[in-house]
Structure formats: C-alpha cells, structure tokens
PDB file of N, CA and C in Angstrom:
ATOM      1  N   MET A   1       0.699  -1.073   0.171  1.00  0.00           N
ATOM      2  CA  MET A   1      -0.059  -0.119  -0.048  1.00  0.00           C
ATOM      3  C   MET A   1       0.869   1.280  -0.067  1.00  0.00           C
ATOM      4  N   VAL A   2       0.446   2.290  -0.627  1.00  0.00           N
ATOM      5  CA  VAL A   2       1.290   3.344  -0.957  1.00  0.00           C
ATOM      6  C   VAL A   2       0.388   4.620   0.139  1.00  0.00           C
ATOM      7  N   LYS A   3       1.357   5.323   0.778  1.00  0.00           N
ATOM      8  CA  LYS A   3       0.789   6.607   1.633  1.00  0.00           C
ATOM      9  C   LYS A   3       0.852   7.796   0.651  1.00  0.00           C
ATOM     10  N   VAL A   4      -0.437   8.597   0.716  1.00  0.00           N
ATOM     11  CA  VAL A   4      -0.477   9.581  -0.253  1.00  0.00           C
ATOM     12  C   VAL A   4      -0.954  10.783   0.529  1.00  0.00           C
ATOM     13  N   THR A   5      -0.218  11.771   0.688  1.00  0.00           N
ATOM     14  CA  THR A   5      -0.852  12.887   1.497  1.00  0.00           C
ATOM     15  C   THR A   5      -1.314  13.996   0.388  1.00  0.00           C
ATOM     16  N   ILE A   6      -2.261  14.404   0.683  1.00  0.00           N
ATOM     17  CA  ILE A   6      -3.088  15.630  -0.040  1.00  0.00           C
ATOM     18  C   ILE A   6      -3.732  16.871   0.748  1.00  0.00           C
ATOM     19  N   GLN A   7      -3.593  18.128  -0.011  1.00  0.00           N
ATOM     20  CA  GLN A   7      -4.250  19.124   0.798  1.00  0.00           C
ATOM     21  C   GLN A   7      -5.598  19.234   0.218  1.00  0.00           C
ATOM     22  N   VAL A   8      -6.256  19.463   1.089  1.00  0.00           N
ATOM     23  CA  VAL A   8      -7.698  19.704   0.607  1.00  0.00           C
ATOM     24  C   VAL A   8      -8.416  21.067   1.390  1.00  0.00           C
ATOM     25  N   PRO A   9      -9.316  21.550   0.705  1.00  0.00           N
ATOM     26  CA  PRO A   9      -9.889  22.909   1.583  1.00  0.00           C
ATOM     27  C   PRO A   9     -10.527  22.262   2.965  1.00  0.00           C
ATOM     28  N   GLU A  10     -10.619  23.157   3.557  1.00  0.00           N
ATOM     29  CA  GLU A  10     -10.983  22.853   4.899  1.00  0.00           C
ATOM     30  C   GLU A  10     -12.623  22.220   5.108  1.00  0.00           C
ATOM     31  N   GLU A  11     -13.312  22.839   4.089  1.00  0.00           N
ATOM     32  CA  GLU A  11     -14.807  22.453   4.472  1.00  0.00           C
ATOM     33  C   GLU A  11     -15.004  20.762   3.622  1.00  0.00           C
ATOM     34  N   LEU A  12     -13.830  20.193   2.831  1.00  0.00           N
ATOM     35  CA  LEU A  12     -13.914  19.128   2.148  1.00  0.00           C
ATOM     36  C   LEU A  12     -13.618  18.324   3.296  1.00  0.00           C
ATOM     37  N   ALA A  13     -12.422  19.004   4.187  1.00  0.00           N
ATOM     38  CA  ALA A  13     -12.011  17.958   5.027  1.00  0.00           C
ATOM     39  C   ALA A  13     -12.942  17.734   6.267  1.00  0.00           C
ATOM     40  N   LEU A  14     -13.667  18.665   6.278  1.00  0.00           N
ATOM     41  CA  LEU A  14     -14.781  18.543   7.418  1.00  0.00           C
ATOM     42  C   LEU A  14     -15.587  17.118   6.796  1.00  0.00           C
ATOM     43  N   ARG A  15     -15.973  17.381   5.559  1.00  0.00           N
ATOM     44  CA  ARG A  15     -17.076  16.322   5.087  1.00  0.00           C
ATOM     45  C   ARG A  15     -16.324  14.958   4.968  1.00  0.00           C
ATOM     46  N   LEU A  16     -15.038  14.934   5.142  1.00  0.00           N
ATOM     47  CA  LEU A  16     -14.066  13.460   4.552  1.00  0.00           C
ATOM     48  C   LEU A  16     -13.812  13.039   6.226  1.00  0.00           C
ATOM     49  N   GLU A  17     -13.936  13.759   7.387  1.00  0.00           N
ATOM     50  CA  GLU A  17     -13.730  13.278   8.352  1.00  0.00           C
ATOM     51  C   GLU A  17     -14.404  11.965   8.998  1.00  0.00           C
ATOM     52  N   PRO A  18     -15.835  12.347   8.716  1.00  0.00           N
ATOM     53  CA  PRO A  18     -16.504  11.099   9.177  1.00  0.00           C
ATOM     54  C   PRO A  18     -16.224   9.482   8.418  1.00  0.00           C
ATOM     55  N   VAL A  19     -15.620   9.793   7.285  1.00  0.00           N
ATOM     56  CA  VAL A  19     -15.389   8.588   6.366  1.00  0.00           C
ATOM     57  C   VAL A  19     -13.986   8.472   6.359  1.00  0.00           C
ATOM     58  N   GLN A  20     -13.006   8.950   7.128  1.00  0.00           N
ATOM     59  CA  GLN A  20     -11.836   9.186   6.938  1.00  0.00           C
ATOM     60  C   GLN A  20     -11.186   7.432   7.018  1.00  0.00           C
ATOM     61  N   ASP A  21     -12.071   6.428   7.299  1.00  0.00           N
ATOM     62  CA  ASP A  21     -11.134   5.339   7.374  1.00  0.00           C
ATOM     63  C   ASP A  21     -11.857   4.523   6.178  1.00  0.00           C
ATOM     64  N   ARG A  22     -12.214   5.019   5.370  1.00  0.00           N
ATOM     65  CA  ARG A  22     -12.861   4.865   3.714  1.00  0.00           C
ATOM     66  C   ARG A  22     -12.566   5.391   2.712  1.00  0.00           C
ATOM     67  N   LEU A  23     -11.440   6.552   2.776  1.00  0.00           N
ATOM     68  CA  LEU A  23     -10.901   7.421   2.031  1.00  0.00           C
ATOM     69  C   LEU A  23     -10.597   6.650   0.721  1.00  0.00           C
ATOM     70  N   ALA A  24      -9.976   5.724   0.606  1.00  0.00           N
ATOM     71  CA  ALA A  24      -9.240   4.775  -0.680  1.00  0.00           C
ATOM     72  C   ALA A  24     -11.065   4.276  -1.175  1.00  0.00           C
ATOM     73  N   GLU A  25     -11.972   4.148  -0.707  1.00  0.00           N
ATOM     74  CA  GLU A  25     -12.908   3.952  -1.349  1.00  0.00           C
ATOM     75  C   GLU A  25     -13.775   4.876  -1.943  1.00  0.00           C
ATOM     76  N   VAL A  26     -13.839   6.098  -1.191  1.00  0.00           N
ATOM     77  CA  VAL A  26     -14.199   7.396  -1.621  1.00  0.00           C
ATOM     78  C   VAL A  26     -13.377   7.842  -3.191  1.00  0.00           C
ATOM     79  N   ILE A  27     -12.488   7.812  -2.882  1.00  0.00           N
ATOM     80  CA  ILE A  27     -11.419   8.067  -3.981  1.00  0.00           C
ATOM     81  C   ILE A  27     -11.730   7.212  -5.329  1.00  0.00           C
ATOM     82  N   GLU A  28     -11.717   5.704  -4.859  1.00  0.00           N
ATOM     83  CA  GLU A  28     -12.164   4.892  -6.143  1.00  0.00           C
ATOM     84  C   GLU A  28     -13.783   5.241  -6.652  1.00  0.00           C
ATOM     85  N   LEU A  29     -14.633   5.591  -6.143  1.00  0.00           N
ATOM     86  CA  LEU A  29     -15.830   5.868  -6.349  1.00  0.00           C
ATOM     87  C   LEU A  29     -15.729   7.027  -7.319  1.00  0.00           C
ATOM     88  N   GLY A  30     -15.164   8.007  -6.669  1.00  0.00           N
ATOM     89  CA  GLY A  30     -14.936   9.235  -7.368  1.00  0.00           C
ATOM     90  C   GLY A  30     -14.263   9.056  -8.750  1.00  0.00           C
ATOM     91  N   LEU A  31     -13.034   8.180  -8.816  1.00  0.00           N
ATOM     92  CA  LEU A  31     -12.498   8.050 -10.103  1.00  0.00           C
ATOM     93  C   LEU A  31     -13.433   7.186 -11.074  1.00  0.00           C
ATOM     94  N   ARG A  32     -14.356   6.126 -10.576  1.00  0.00           N
ATOM     95  CA  ARG A  32     -15.240   5.805 -11.551  1.00  0.00           C
ATOM     96  C   ARG A  32     -16.265   6.642 -12.048  1.00  0.00           C
ATOM     97  N   GLU A  33     -16.714   7.408 -11.376  1.00  0.00           N
ATOM     98  CA  GLU A  33     -17.609   8.619 -11.856  1.00  0.00           C
ATOM     99  C   GLU A  33     -16.594   9.045 -12.902  1.00  0.00           C
ATOM    100  N   ILE A  34     -15.865   9.898 -12.716  1.00  0.00           N
ATOM    101  CA  ILE A  34     -14.873  10.702 -13.772  1.00  0.00           C
ATOM    102  C   ILE A  34     -14.800  10.039 -15.029  1.00  0.00           C
ATOM    103  N   GLU A  35     -14.362   8.430 -14.720  1.00  0.00           N
ATOM    104  CA  GLU A  35     -13.923   7.650 -16.011  1.00  0.00           C
ATOM    105  C   GLU A  35     -14.992   7.473 -16.823  1.00  0.00           C
ATOM    106  N   SER A  36     -16.074   6.907 -16.060  1.00  0.00           N
ATOM    107  CA  SER A  36     -17.358   7.040 -16.722  1.00  0.00           C
ATOM    108  C   SER A  36     -17.849   8.244 -17.967  1.00  0.00           C
ATOM    109  N   ALA A  37     -17.809   9.110 -17.128  1.00  0.00           N
ATOM    110  CA  ALA A  37     -18.139  10.647 -17.922  1.00  0.00           C
ATOM    111  C   ALA A  37     -17.199  10.687 -18.993  1.00  0.00           C
ATOM    112  N   GLN A  38     -15.659  10.644 -18.769  1.00  0.00           N
ATOM    113  CA  GLN A  38     -14.832  10.679 -19.814  1.00  0.00           C
ATOM    114  C   GLN A  38     -15.146   9.584 -21.303  1.00  0.00           C
ATOM    115  N   TYR A  39     -15.569   8.456 -20.745  1.00  0.00           N
ATOM    116  CA  TYR A  39     -15.611   7.507 -21.929  1.00  0.00           C
ATOM    117  C   TYR A  39     -17.304   7.589 -22.497  1.00  0.00           C
ATOM    118  N   GLU A  40     -17.997   8.219 -21.674  1.00  0.00           N
ATOM    119  CA  GLU A  40     -19.317   8.098 -22.555  1.00  0.00           C
ATOM    120  C   GLU A  40     -19.598   8.565 -23.899  1.00  0.00           C
ATOM    121  N   LEU A  41     -18.847   9.677 -24.309  1.00  0.00           N
ATOM    122  CA  LEU A  41     -18.828   9.903 -25.457  1.00  0.00           C
ATOM    123  C   LEU A  41     -18.309   8.807 -26.832  1.00  0.00           C
ATOM    124  N   HIS A  42     -17.052   8.359 -26.020  1.00  0.00           N
ATOM    125  CA  HIS A  42     -16.284   6.870 -26.593  1.00  0.00           C
ATOM    126  C   HIS A  42     -17.261   5.976 -26.620  1.00  0.00           C
ATOM    127  N   ASN A  43     -18.104   5.830 -25.926  1.00  0.00           N
ATOM    128  CA  ASN A  43     -18.906   4.451 -26.173  1.00  0.00           C
ATOM    129  C   ASN A  43     -20.094   4.926 -26.802  1.00  0.00           C
ATOM    130  N   GLU A  44     -20.293   6.125 -27.124  1.00  0.00           N
ATOM    131  CA  GLU A  44     -21.520   6.219 -28.086  1.00  0.00           C
ATOM    132  C   GLU A  44     -20.933   6.343 -29.340  1.00  0.00           C
ATOM    133  N   VAL A  45     -19.752   6.778 -29.688  1.00  0.00           N
ATOM    134  CA  VAL A  45     -19.438   6.328 -30.833  1.00  0.00           C
ATOM    135  C   VAL A  45     -19.018   4.820 -31.042  1.00  0.00           C
ATOM    136  N   ILE A  46     -18.172   3.984 -30.219  1.00  0.00           N
ATOM    137  CA  ILE A  46     -18.105   2.760 -30.579  1.00  0.00           C
ATOM    138  C   ILE A  46     -19.220   1.910 -30.779  1.00  0.00           C
ATOM    139  N   GLU A  47     -20.187   2.440 -29.963  1.00  0.00           N
ATOM    140  CA  GLU A  47     -21.791   1.845 -30.272  1.00  0.00           C
ATOM    141  C   GLU A  47     -22.226   2.096 -31.712  1.00  0.00           C
ATOM    142  N   PHE A  48     -22.402   2.999 -31.966  1.00  0.00           N
ATOM    143  CA  PHE A  48     -22.715   3.622 -33.390  1.00  0.00           C
ATOM    144  C   PHE A  48     -22.132   2.935 -34.573  1.00  0.00           C
ATOM    145  N   LEU A  49     -20.806   2.734 -34.402  1.00  0.00           N
ATOM    146  CA  LEU A  49     -20.017   2.277 -35.325  1.00  0.00           C
ATOM    147  C   LEU A  49     -19.966   1.002 -35.671  1.00  0.00           C
ATOM    148  N   ALA A  50     -20.219   0.268 -34.488  1.00  0.00           N
ATOM    149  CA  ALA A  50     -20.027  -0.978 -34.512  1.00  0.00           C
ATOM    150  C   ALA A  50     -22.059  -1.805 -34.822  1.00  0.00           C
ATOM    151  N   SER A  51     -22.482  -0.613 -35.032  1.00  0.00           N
ATOM    152  CA  SER A  51     -24.147  -0.962 -35.501  1.00  0.00           C
ATOM    153  C   SER A  51     -24.225  -1.168 -36.933  1.00  0.00           C
ATOM    154  N   GLY A  52     -22.948  -0.992 -37.486  1.00  0.00           N
ATOM    155  CA  GLY A  52     -22.645  -1.082 -39.112  1.00  0.00           C
ATOM    156  C   GLY A  52     -23.531  -0.015 -39.947  1.00  0.00           C
ATOM    157  N   PRO A  53     -23.404   1.375 -39.132  1.00  0.00           N
ATOM    158  CA  PRO A  53     -24.144   2.298 -39.999  1.00  0.00           C
ATOM    159  C   PRO A  53     -23.902   2.482 -41.406  1.00  0.00           C
ATOM    160  N   SER A  54     -24.787   2.820 -42.364  1.00  0.00           N
ATOM    161  CA  SER A  54     -24.670   3.409 -43.681  1.00  0.00           C
ATOM    162  C   SER A  54     -23.964   4.591 -43.736  1.00  0.00           C
ATOM    163  N   PRO A  55     -23.292   4.820 -44.874  1.00  0.00           N
ATOM    164  CA  PRO A  55     -22.337   6.154 -45.211  1.00  0.00           C
ATOM    165  C   PRO A  55     -23.625   7.391 -44.697  1.00  0.00           C
ATOM    166  N   GLU A  56     -24.517   7.322 -45.094  1.00  0.00           N
ATOM    167  CA  GLU A  56     -25.561   8.356 -44.944  1.00  0.00           C
ATOM    168  C   GLU A  56     -25.465   8.713 -43.252  1.00  0.00           C
ATOM    169  N   ALA A  57     -25.633   7.462 -42.550  1.00  0.00           N
ATOM    170  CA  ALA A  57     -26.105   7.594 -41.075  1.00  0.00           C
ATOM    171  C   ALA A  57     -24.603   8.244 -40.413  1.00  0.00           C
ATOM    172  N   ILE A  58     -23.395   7.609 -40.990  1.00  0.00           N
ATOM    173  CA  ILE A  58     -22.001   8.144 -40.493  1.00  0.00           C
ATOM    174  C   ILE A  58     -22.050   9.709 -40.565  1.00  0.00           C
ATOM    175  N   VAL A  59     -22.722  10.295 -41.945  1.00  0.00           N
ATOM    176  CA  VAL A  59     -22.210  11.821 -42.305  1.00  0.00           C
ATOM    177  C   VAL A  59     -23.321  12.270 -41.064  1.00  0.00           C
ATOM    178  N   SER A  60     -24.480  11.955 -40.929  1.00  0.00           N
ATOM    179  CA  SER A  60     -25.417  12.672 -40.137  1.00  0.00           C
ATOM    180  C   SER A  60     -24.833  12.258 -38.811  1.00  0.00           C
ATOM    181  N   PHE A  61     -24.425  11.690 -38.345  1.00  0.00           N
ATOM    182  CA  PHE A  61     -23.774  11.163 -36.690  1.00  0.00           C
ATOM    183  C   PHE A  61     -23.921  12.520 -35.960  1.00  0.00           C
ATOM    184  N   ARG A  62     -24.707  12.945 -34.527  1.00  0.00           N
ATOM    185  CA  ARG A  62     -24.438  13.992 -33.902  1.00  0.00           C
ATOM    186  C   ARG A  62     -24.384  13.027 -32.318  1.00  0.00           C
ATOM    187  N   PRO A  63     -23.198  13.440 -31.459  1.00  0.00           N
ATOM    188  CA  PRO A  63     -23.458  12.924 -30.350  1.00  0.00           C
ATOM    189  C   PRO A  63     -24.627  13.225 -29.374  1.00  0.00           C
ATOM    190  N   SER A  64     -24.725  12.692 -28.217  1.00  0.00           N
ATOM    191  CA  SER A  64     -26.228  12.965 -27.440  1.00  0.00           C
ATOM    192  C   SER A  64     -25.953  14.486 -26.946  1.00  0.00           C
ATOM    193  N   GLU A  65     -27.104  14.883 -26.759  1.00  0.00           N
ATOM    194  CA  GLU A  65     -26.993  16.320 -26.293  1.00  0.00           C
ATOM    195  C   GLU A  65     -26.483  16.236 -24.685  1.00  0.00           C
ATOM    196  N   LYS A  66     -26.441  15.124 -24.241  1.00  0.00           N
ATOM    197  CA  LYS A  66     -25.507  14.762 -22.680  1.00  0.00           C
ATOM    198  C   LYS A  66     -24.058  15.198 -23.018  1.00  0.00           C
ATOM    199  N   ALA A  67     -23.605  14.510 -24.100  1.00  0.00           N
ATOM    200  CA  ALA A  67     -22.296  14.305 -24.567  1.00  0.00           C
ATOM    201  C   ALA A  67     -21.855  15.802 -24.812  1.00  0.00           C
ATOM    202  N   GLN A  68     -22.787  16.670 -25.509  1.00  0.00           N
ATOM    203  CA  GLN A  68     -22.434  17.977 -26.263  1.00  0.00           C
ATOM    204  C   GLN A  68     -22.527  19.126 -25.122  1.00  0.00           C
ATOM    205  N   ALA A  69     -23.442  18.575 -24.256  1.00  0.00           N
ATOM    206  CA  ALA A  69     -23.473  19.685 -23.216  1.00  0.00           C
ATOM    207  C   ALA A  69     -22.081  19.806 -22.222  1.00  0.00           C
ATOM    208  N   ARG A  70     -21.476  18.108 -22.130  1.00  0.00           N
ATOM    209  CA  ARG A  70     -20.361  18.265 -21.428  1.00  0.00           C
ATOM    210  C   ARG A  70     -19.155  18.935 -22.060  1.00  0.00           C
ATOM    211  N   VAL A  71     -19.250  18.788 -23.237  1.00  0.00           N
ATOM    212  CA  VAL A  71     -17.870  19.155 -23.956  1.00  0.00           C
ATOM    213  C   VAL A  71     -18.474  21.066 -23.784  1.00  0.00           C
ATOM    214  N   ALA A  72     -19.506  21.387 -24.003  1.00  0.00           N
ATOM    215  CA  ALA A  72     -19.560  22.682 -24.020  1.00  0.00           C
ATOM    216  C   ALA A  72     -19.080  23.342 -22.849  1.00  0.00           C
ATOM    217  N   GLU A  73     -19.379  22.541 -21.460  1.00  0.00           N
ATOM    218  CA  GLU A  73     -18.848  22.924 -20.175  1.00  0.00           C
ATOM    219  C   GLU A  73     -17.564  23.121 -20.092  1.00  0.00           C
ATOM    220  N   LEU A  74     -16.755  22.006 -21.192  1.00  0.00           N
ATOM    221  CA  LEU A  74     -15.414  21.956 -20.856  1.00  0.00           C
ATOM    222  C   LEU A  74     -14.867  22.960 -21.556  1.00  0.00           C
ATOM    223  N   LEU A  75     -15.534  23.446 -22.708  1.00  0.00           N
ATOM    224  CA  LEU A  75     -14.703  24.594 -23.487  1.00  0.00           C
ATOM    225  C   LEU A  75     -15.117  25.569 -22.504  1.00  0.00           C
ATOM    226  N   GLU A  76     -15.975  26.033 -22.250  1.00  0.00           N
ATOM    227  CA  GLU A  76     -16.278  27.349 -21.561  1.00  0.00           C
ATOM    228  C   GLU A  76     -15.228  27.455 -20.145  1.00  0.00           C
ATOM    229  N   LYS A  77     -15.033  26.396 -19.175  1.00  0.00           N
ATOM    230  CA  LYS A  77     -14.191  26.484 -18.691  1.00  0.00           C
ATOM    231  C   LYS A  77     -12.734  26.326 -19.106  1.00  0.00           C
ATOM    232  N   ASN A  78     -12.503  25.994 -20.174  1.00  0.00           N
ATOM    233  CA  ASN A  78     -11.058  26.122 -20.654  1.00  0.00           C
ATOM    234  C   ASN A  78     -10.826  27.643 -21.304  1.00  0.00           C
ATOM    235  N   GLN A  79     -11.909  28.215 -21.753  1.00  0.00           N
ATOM    236  CA  GLN A  79     -11.842  29.925 -22.398  1.00  0.00           C
ATOM    237  C   GLN A  79     -11.730  30.818 -20.834  1.00  0.00           C
ATOM    238  N   LYS A  80     -12.073  29.931 -19.690  1.00  0.00           N
ATOM    239  CA  LYS A  80     -11.941  30.835 -18.444  1.00  0.00           C
ATOM    240  C   LYS A  80     -10.646  30.508 -17.486  1.00  0.00           C
ATOM    241  N   GLY A  81      -9.775  29.539 -18.010  1.00  0.00           N
ATOM    242  CA  GLY A  81      -8.800  28.946 -17.597  1.00  0.00           C
ATOM    243  C   GLY A  81      -9.291  28.251 -16.380  1.00  0.00           C
ATOM    244  N   THR A  82     -10.542  27.823 -16.142  1.00  0.00           N
ATOM    245  CA  THR A  82     -10.452  27.050 -14.742  1.00  0.00           C
ATOM    246  C   THR A  82     -10.324  25.540 -14.767  1.00  0.00           C
ATOM    247  N   LEU A  83      -9.980  24.953 -16.115  1.00  0.00           N
ATOM    248  CA  LEU A  83     -10.061  23.518 -16.089  1.00  0.00           C
ATOM    249  C   LEU A  83      -9.109  22.858 -15.250  1.00  0.00           C
ATOM    250  N   SER A  84      -9.366  21.560 -14.508  1.00  0.00           N
ATOM    251  CA  SER A  84      -8.673  20.590 -13.861  1.00  0.00           C
ATOM    252  C   SER A  84      -7.647  20.056 -14.780  1.00  0.00           C
ATOM    253  N   THR A  85      -6.618  19.369 -14.271  1.00  0.00           N
ATOM    254  CA  THR A  85      -5.747  18.608 -14.918  1.00  0.00           C
ATOM    255  C   THR A  85      -6.931  17.520 -15.766  1.00  0.00           C
ATOM    256  N   ALA A  86      -7.403  16.860 -14.702  1.00  0.00           N
ATOM    257  CA  ALA A  86      -8.370  15.672 -15.482  1.00  0.00           C
ATOM    258  C   ALA A  86      -9.335  16.292 -16.342  1.00  0.00           C
ATOM    259  N   GLU A  87      -9.972  17.630 -16.080  1.00  0.00           N
ATOM    260  CA  GLU A  87     -10.775  18.047 -17.596  1.00  0.00           C
ATOM    261  C   GLU A  87     -10.116  18.317 -18.511  1.00  0.00           C
ATOM    262  N   GLU A  88      -8.924  18.725 -18.749  1.00  0.00           N
ATOM    263  CA  GLU A  88      -8.344  19.111 -19.602  1.00  0.00           C
ATOM    264  C   GLU A  88      -7.727  17.756 -20.311  1.00  0.00           C
ATOM    265  N   ALA A  89      -7.261  16.827 -19.812  1.00  0.00           N
ATOM    266  CA  ALA A  89      -7.338  15.298 -20.371  1.00  0.00           C
ATOM    267  C   ALA A  89      -8.469  14.808 -21.413  1.00  0.00           C
ATOM    268  N   GLU A  90      -9.565  15.151 -20.528  1.00  0.00           N
ATOM    269  CA  GLU A  90     -11.036  14.583 -21.181  1.00  0.00           C
ATOM    270  C   GLU A  90     -11.144  15.469 -22.229  1.00  0.00           C
ATOM    271  N   LEU A  91     -11.008  16.752 -22.062  1.00  0.00           N
ATOM    272  CA  LEU A  91     -11.419  17.501 -23.343  1.00  0.00           C
ATOM    273  C   LEU A  91     -10.392  17.282 -24.645  1.00  0.00           C
ATOM    274  N   ASP A  92      -9.099  17.085 -24.257  1.00  0.00           N
ATOM    275  CA  ASP A  92      -8.308  16.753 -25.207  1.00  0.00           C
ATOM    276  C   ASP A  92      -8.627  15.271 -25.955  1.00  0.00           C
ATOM    277  N   GLN A  93      -9.072  14.218 -24.982  1.00  0.00           N
ATOM    278  CA  GLN A  93      -9.773  13.279 -25.914  1.00  0.00           C
ATOM    279  C   GLN A  93     -10.969  13.458 -26.539  1.00  0.00           C
ATOM    280  N   TYR A  94     -11.941  14.170 -26.329  1.00  0.00           N
ATOM    281  CA  TYR A  94     -13.040  14.720 -26.951  1.00  0.00           C
ATOM    282  C   TYR A  94     -12.500  15.517 -28.448  1.00  0.00           C
ATOM    283  N   GLU A  95     -11.574  16.268 -28.135  1.00  0.00           N
ATOM    284  CA  GLU A  95     -10.898  16.480 -29.370  1.00  0.00           C
ATOM    285  C   GLU A  95     -10.490  15.474 -30.388  1.00  0.00           C
ATOM    286  N   ASP A  96      -9.529  14.458 -29.961  1.00  0.00           N
ATOM    287  CA  ASP A  96      -8.993  13.436 -30.628  1.00  0.00           C
ATOM    288  C   ASP A  96     -10.025  12.739 -31.406  1.00  0.00           C
ATOM    289  N   LEU A  97     -11.459  12.435 -30.586  1.00  0.00           N
ATOM    290  CA  LEU A  97     -12.507  11.824 -31.118  1.00  0.00           C
ATOM    291  C   LEU A  97     -13.199  12.512 -32.247  1.00  0.00           C
ATOM    292  N   ASP A  98     -13.504  13.870 -32.007  1.00  0.00           N
ATOM    293  CA  ASP A  98     -13.789  14.948 -32.908  1.00  0.00           C
ATOM    294  C   ASP A  98     -13.097  14.601 -34.283  1.00  0.00           C
ATOM    295  N   TYR A  99     -11.825  14.435 -34.155  1.00  0.00           N
ATOM    296  CA  TYR A  99     -11.128  14.817 -35.276  1.00  0.00           C
ATOM    297  C   TYR A  99     -10.980  13.271 -35.827  1.00  0.00           C
ATOM    298  N   LEU A 100     -11.127  12.098 -35.316  1.00  0.00           N
ATOM    299  CA  LEU A 100     -11.512  10.728 -35.647  1.00  0.00           C
ATOM    300  C   LEU A 100     -12.778  11.032 -36.493  1.00  0.00           C
ATOM    301  N   MET A 101     -13.942  11.429 -36.030  1.00  0.00           N
ATOM    302  CA  MET A 101     -15.101  11.182 -36.614  1.00  0.00           C
ATOM    303  C   MET A 101     -15.069  12.335 -37.389  1.00  0.00           C
ATOM    304  N   ALA A 102     -14.557  13.371 -37.775  1.00  0.00           N
ATOM    305  CA  ALA A 102     -14.421  13.923 -38.927  1.00  0.00           C
ATOM    306  C   ALA A 102     -13.856  13.274 -40.259  1.00  0.00           C
ATOM    307  N   LEU A 103     -12.640  12.387 -39.724  1.00  0.00           N
ATOM    308  CA  LEU A 103     -12.222  11.698 -40.740  1.00  0.00           C
ATOM    309  C   LEU A 103     -13.118  10.563 -41.296  1.00  0.00           C
ATOM    310  N   VAL A 104     -13.786   9.804 -40.604  1.00  0.00           N
ATOM    311  CA  VAL A 104     -14.623   8.996 -40.881  1.00  0.00           C
ATOM    312  C   VAL A 104     -15.948   9.580 -41.773  1.00  0.00           C
ATOM    313  N   LYS A 105     -16.233  10.555 -41.572  1.00  0.00           N
ATOM    314  CA  LYS A 105     -17.394  11.245 -42.176  1.00  0.00           C
ATOM    315  C   LYS A 105     -17.182  11.627 -43.395  1.00  0.00           C
ATOM    316  N   ALA A 106     -15.585  12.319 -43.743  1.00  0.00           N
ATOM    317  CA  ALA A 106     -15.242  12.662 -45.011  1.00  0.00           C
ATOM    318  C   ALA A 106     -15.027  11.158 -45.937  1.00  0.00           C
ATOM    319  N   ARG A 107     -14.593  10.249 -45.129  1.00  0.00           N
ATOM    320  CA  ARG A 107     -14.736   8.828 -45.938  1.00  0.00           C
ATOM    321  C   ARG A 107     -15.983   8.563 -46.376  1.00  0.00           C
ATOM    322  N   ALA A 108     -16.893   8.387 -45.620  1.00  0.00           N
ATOM    323  CA  ALA A 108     -18.235   8.107 -45.865  1.00  0.00           C
ATOM    324  C   ALA A 108     -18.685   9.061 -47.049  1.00  0.00           C
ATOM    325  N   ARG A 109     -18.450  10.452 -46.871  1.00  0.00           N
ATOM    326  CA  ARG A 109     -19.014  11.266 -48.135  1.00  0.00           C
ATOM    327  C   ARG A 109     -18.455  10.749 -49.257  1.00  0.00           C
ATOM    328  N   GLN A 110     -16.952  10.465 -49.379  1.00  0.00           N
ATOM    329  CA  GLN A 110     -16.452   9.768 -50.650  1.00  0.00           C
ATOM    330  C   GLN A 110     -17.006   8.754 -51.117  1.00  0.00           C
ATOM    331  N   HIS A 111     -17.418   7.877 -50.039  1.00  0.00           N
ATOM    332  CA  HIS A 111     -18.515   6.652 -50.634  1.00  0.00           C
ATOM    333  C   HIS A 111     -19.903   6.893 -51.297  1.00  0.00           C
ATOM    334  N   LEU A 112     -20.149   8.404 -50.508  1.00  0.00           N
ATOM    335  CA  LEU A 112     -21.670   8.615 -51.055  1.00  0.00           C
ATOM    336  C   LEU A 112     -21.361   9.358 -52.617  1.00  0.00           C
ATOM    337  N   SER A 113     -20.316   9.957 -52.892  1.00  0.00           N
ATOM    338  CA  SER A 113     -20.014  10.711 -54.105  1.00  0.00           C
ATOM    339  C   SER A 113     -19.816   9.606 -55.148  1.00  0.00           C
ATOM    340  N   LYS A 114     -18.850   8.743 -54.901  1.00  0.00           N
ATOM    341  CA  LYS A 114     -18.860   7.773 -55.772  1.00  0.00           C
ATOM    342  C   LYS A 114     -20.217   6.687 -56.135  1.00  0.00           C
ATOM    343  N   ALA A 115     -20.984   6.710 -55.367  1.00  0.00           N
ATOM    344  CA  ALA A 115     -22.196   5.735 -55.430  1.00  0.00           C
ATOM    345  C   ALA A 115     -23.175   6.753 -56.414  1.00  0.00           C
ATOM    346  N   ALA A 116     -22.816   7.984 -56.631  1.00  0.00           N
ATOM    347  CA  ALA A 116     -24.286   8.846 -57.070  1.00  0.00           C
ATOM    348  C   ALA A 116     -23.864   9.079 -58.444  1.00  0.00           C
TER     349      ALA A 116
END
C-alpha cells in the first residue's frame, strides 16, 4: 500500500472526516464517476460504428445532447482558464475523437459521391 498526502480545502476536510477510514473507497468511487463521464462519448461512437451504419448515417451522426453539453461545459471552463488537469485530459480526448469522426465522415462522403 502507498501512503498519499493531499491538501484539501477545510470544508472538504470536514466532509471527509466521518469517512476517513474509507478514503480509498471514496477516491475509487470518484475516479469511476470521472472515468465513466470521460468515456461516455467514446462509448456512443463505438456503439454507433459497431452497429454498421450506412454512409448516410455516418455523415449525419451527432453525439447525444448530454455529451454535447459536457463538451460545451469543458470548452467554457477552458476559456475561463478553470479546467482541472483531469478535465483538460478529458477535453483532449474529446478533441481526438472529434478529429477521428471528421475523418470517418469525410470517407463516408467519398463513398456517397462515388455511389451517386
């Protein structure tokens, strides 16, 4: 086991005091929540592509409103300079996924133009 020391605001320290013997569990649950949110859009894209969509469906694909709202939230925080390190990594992943989908959509458009 590794010992980790962190500094937290006093208000958070007071909230953590009653569960101090379960801090590892609290952190694990928090990390799962963060990871779940981070990969939600990835899972949407994977499910969509795994369903074998037509080129038309690929071109018209849009992320869910929830995913779009999360990206908008991260972009706003980025503009304000208030992104946490984890949020910055999450935004980077969304940008990578957006680039990938742009490439997939461009290829789908090529297939559509050849078929026309």
